[in-house]
Structures are given as C-alpha cells and as structure tokens.
Amino acid sequence: MKKIHFNHGMTFEFGLIQPYFQGGFGFQYNRAKTHAKLVDQYGVEWQEDLMLRAFSFPLELGIALGEDGATIIPGIGFNFMLWRYFTRVGEPDKIDDLDYYKSNTDVGMHAKLYVKFVLGGIDDSGLGIIIEPYFNLGVLGCDMGDMNETLNPYTYSSDPEKKEAFTHYGLRVYLILKGGA
C-alpha cells in the first residue's frame, strides 16, 4: 500500500501575536486516503482502501520578531491527537459501493517545531497571511495491529507488532484575521 503523503482538512485556531510573543490553541481535522490492489492465490483481483481521520488539538508558543510588514515567529508546540482508521476490502469495480469499516482508534501526541512568516505584520488590523513550515516529532505512537488484521487477515499473525508515530514535516498556509490594538 502506498504511504500517505498528503492530508487535507481544516483548522480553527485562536491566538495572540504581539511583539516578542505568540501563543495559540486550536482544533484541526485532517483526512487522507490510500489504496492497494492485489491478486490472491486464485487469480481474483482485490482492492484494499484505507482512510485516515485525525482530530488534533494544538497548543503553541513562539517569539514574534519584527513588526512592520512582516514578522518571523520561531516556536514550539504540542499536538494532542485522536486518530481513526477506516478500511474496506473488495473487488476493484465494486469497492465504491462498500462502506468503510472502523478498524482502529488511538491517541497520540506530537512535539512541533515551526517558523511562522506573518505577511502583513502584526501592528495593523485586517487580514494577514501566515506561511508555516513545521516538523512534527511523534511522541506517542498508534498501534496498527487491528488495521493490519483487517487488511491482511491471513498473514497479520506472523507480522511484528507495529506502532506508528507519524513523525513528519509539512507546510501550512493560512489566512488570519488581525485585530487592531
């Protein structure tokens, strides 16, 4: 099965950016899908679909440097997460008619390093844009055993235990609404 390289969703964050301080908390919802096709020992073609839904609650603290026109904010954060995995297995031409089965639910946590580039500065009110490259280091891993059993019913018992921490890097671009002081 291909690795998931991109997830999409929405984020609602509330925070404060002032000279030398940035803090925030929020709620994120992300989704991603992947699939694999295989042929069993009888020559029958099958497709396995995997869908991830992640709910996370980020908490961030940073140091806002610069005020007029652009601000750079290096910072750290923690993301408390709830992961849900859904699977379905069927013939490729009929799989879209099948419902997903919830095969795994787990919790996790990431430690986050980021740099936010605030275009439009922090001194004026109105809309601004933030470009944020980040790195998430998985602290608590998710047990993938139930999902492995669903997707690989004949071979899962001989597979080693698998915990996934989902360490990754990414880029977020978002609009902010700035209130004047």
Foldseek 3Di string as FASTA:
>chain_A
DDDWDDKDWDKDKDWDDDAQKIWIKTKIKIKTKDKDWDADPVRAIKMKIKMKIKIKMKIKIWTWDDFAFKIKTKIKMKIKMKMWMWMDMDHPVCRVVDDTHTQFIDIWMWIKTKMWMWGRGQADFAKIKIKMKMWTDTDDWGWCLRVCCVVPVPCSVVDDTDTHRPTDIDMDMDMDGHDHD
